[in-house]
Amino acid sequence: MLCWEGGSRLGRCTRSACSRAYVDTSRNGRRRYCTARCGNTEAVMRHRSRQSYPKP
């Protein structure tokens, strides 16, 4: 794959706790996570960090 595409479709998961590499097979070439699970975990973490909890 590296010789065929020149390495432009190889990536590393952007989730901080993951160190997996992947081959981007998406049409637009903008994949950021190795799996949907990593993407969902990151989205939940971002959502929870934005929430404000009422102070007692």
C-alpha atoms as a PDB file:
ATOM      1  CA  MET A   1       0.000   0.000   0.000  1.00  0.00           C
ATOM      2  CA  LEU A   2       2.811   2.380   0.788  1.00  0.00           C
ATOM      3  CA  CYS A   3       4.349   2.029  -2.672  1.00  0.00           C
ATOM      4  CA  TRP A   4       1.017   2.336  -4.434  1.00  0.00           C
ATOM      5  CA  GLU A   5      -0.314   5.475  -2.738  1.00  0.00           C
ATOM      6  CA  GLY A   6       2.947   7.043  -1.623  1.00  0.00           C
ATOM      7  CA  GLY A   7       1.936   6.996   2.039  1.00  0.00           C
ATOM      8  CA  SER A   8      -0.583   9.828   1.698  1.00  0.00           C
ATOM      9  CA  ARG A   9      -3.384   7.685   3.119  1.00  0.00           C
ATOM     10  CA  LEU A  10      -1.539   6.436   6.182  1.00  0.00           C
ATOM     11  CA  GLY A  11      -2.458   8.029   9.476  1.00  0.00           C
ATOM     12  CA  ARG A  12      -2.235   7.797  13.219  1.00  0.00           C
ATOM     13  CA  CYS A  13      -5.257   7.939  15.505  1.00  0.00           C
ATOM     14  CA  THR A  14      -5.682  11.423  17.008  1.00  0.00           C
ATOM     15  CA  ARG A  15      -7.171  10.124  20.245  1.00  0.00           C
ATOM     16  CA  SER A  16      -4.551  10.762  22.938  1.00  0.00           C
ATOM     17  CA  ALA A  17      -4.921   7.347  24.579  1.00  0.00           C
ATOM     18  CA  CYS A  18      -4.586   5.428  21.293  1.00  0.00           C
ATOM     19  CA  SER A  19      -1.404   4.798  19.359  1.00  0.00           C
ATOM     20  CA  ARG A  20      -2.779   2.800  16.422  1.00  0.00           C
ATOM     21  CA  ALA A  21      -1.962   3.489  12.806  1.00  0.00           C
ATOM     22  CA  TYR A  22      -4.523   3.075  10.023  1.00  0.00           C
ATOM     23  CA  VAL A  23      -5.002   3.276   6.280  1.00  0.00           C
ATOM     24  CA  ASP A  24      -7.514   5.958   5.343  1.00  0.00           C
ATOM     25  CA  THR A  25     -10.057   4.364   3.018  1.00  0.00           C
ATOM     26  CA  SER A  26     -12.570   7.200   3.147  1.00  0.00           C
ATOM     27  CA  ARG A  27     -13.548   9.006  -0.048  1.00  0.00           C
ATOM     28  CA  ASN A  28     -12.350  12.446   1.016  1.00  0.00           C
ATOM     29  CA  GLY A  29      -9.206  11.305   2.856  1.00  0.00           C
ATOM     30  CA  ARG A  30     -10.001  13.072   6.125  1.00  0.00           C
ATOM     31  CA  ARG A  31     -10.169  10.168   8.543  1.00  0.00           C
ATOM     32  CA  ARG A  32      -8.851  11.079  12.029  1.00  0.00           C
ATOM     33  CA  TYR A  33      -9.489   7.992  14.157  1.00  0.00           C
ATOM     34  CA  CYS A  34      -8.545   4.340  13.710  1.00  0.00           C
ATOM     35  CA  THR A  35     -12.073   3.135  14.523  1.00  0.00           C
ATOM     36  CA  ALA A  36     -15.511   4.598  15.113  1.00  0.00           C
ATOM     37  CA  ARG A  37     -15.136   3.615  18.757  1.00  0.00           C
ATOM     38  CA  CYS A  38     -12.103   5.902  19.176  1.00  0.00           C
ATOM     39  CA  GLY A  39     -13.997   8.731  17.482  1.00  0.00           C
ATOM     40  CA  ASN A  40     -17.043   8.255  19.711  1.00  0.00           C
ATOM     41  CA  THR A  41     -14.925   8.106  22.867  1.00  0.00           C
ATOM     42  CA  GLU A  42     -13.211  11.358  21.902  1.00  0.00           C
ATOM     43  CA  ALA A  43     -16.559  13.023  21.154  1.00  0.00           C
ATOM     44  CA  VAL A  44     -17.953  11.994  24.550  1.00  0.00           C
ATOM     45  CA  MET A  45     -14.852  13.368  26.278  1.00  0.00           C
ATOM     46  CA  ARG A  46     -15.210  16.715  24.453  1.00  0.00           C
ATOM     47  CA  HIS A  47     -18.924  16.872  25.291  1.00  0.00           C
ATOM     48  CA  ARG A  48     -18.388  16.152  28.962  1.00  0.00           C
ATOM     49  CA  SER A  49     -15.633  18.746  29.238  1.00  0.00           C
ATOM     50  CA  ARG A  50     -17.988  21.445  27.858  1.00  0.00           C
ATOM     51  CA  GLN A  51     -20.834  20.709  30.280  1.00  0.00           C
ATOM     52  CA  SER A  52     -21.115  22.969  33.273  1.00  0.00           C
ATOM     53  CA  TYR A  53     -22.411  21.416  36.452  1.00  0.00           C
ATOM     54  CA  PRO A  54     -24.399  23.547  38.933  1.00  0.00           C
ATOM     55  CA  LYS A  55     -22.482  24.360  42.094  1.00  0.00           C
ATOM     56  CA  PRO A  56     -24.232  23.300  45.325  1.00  0.00           C
END
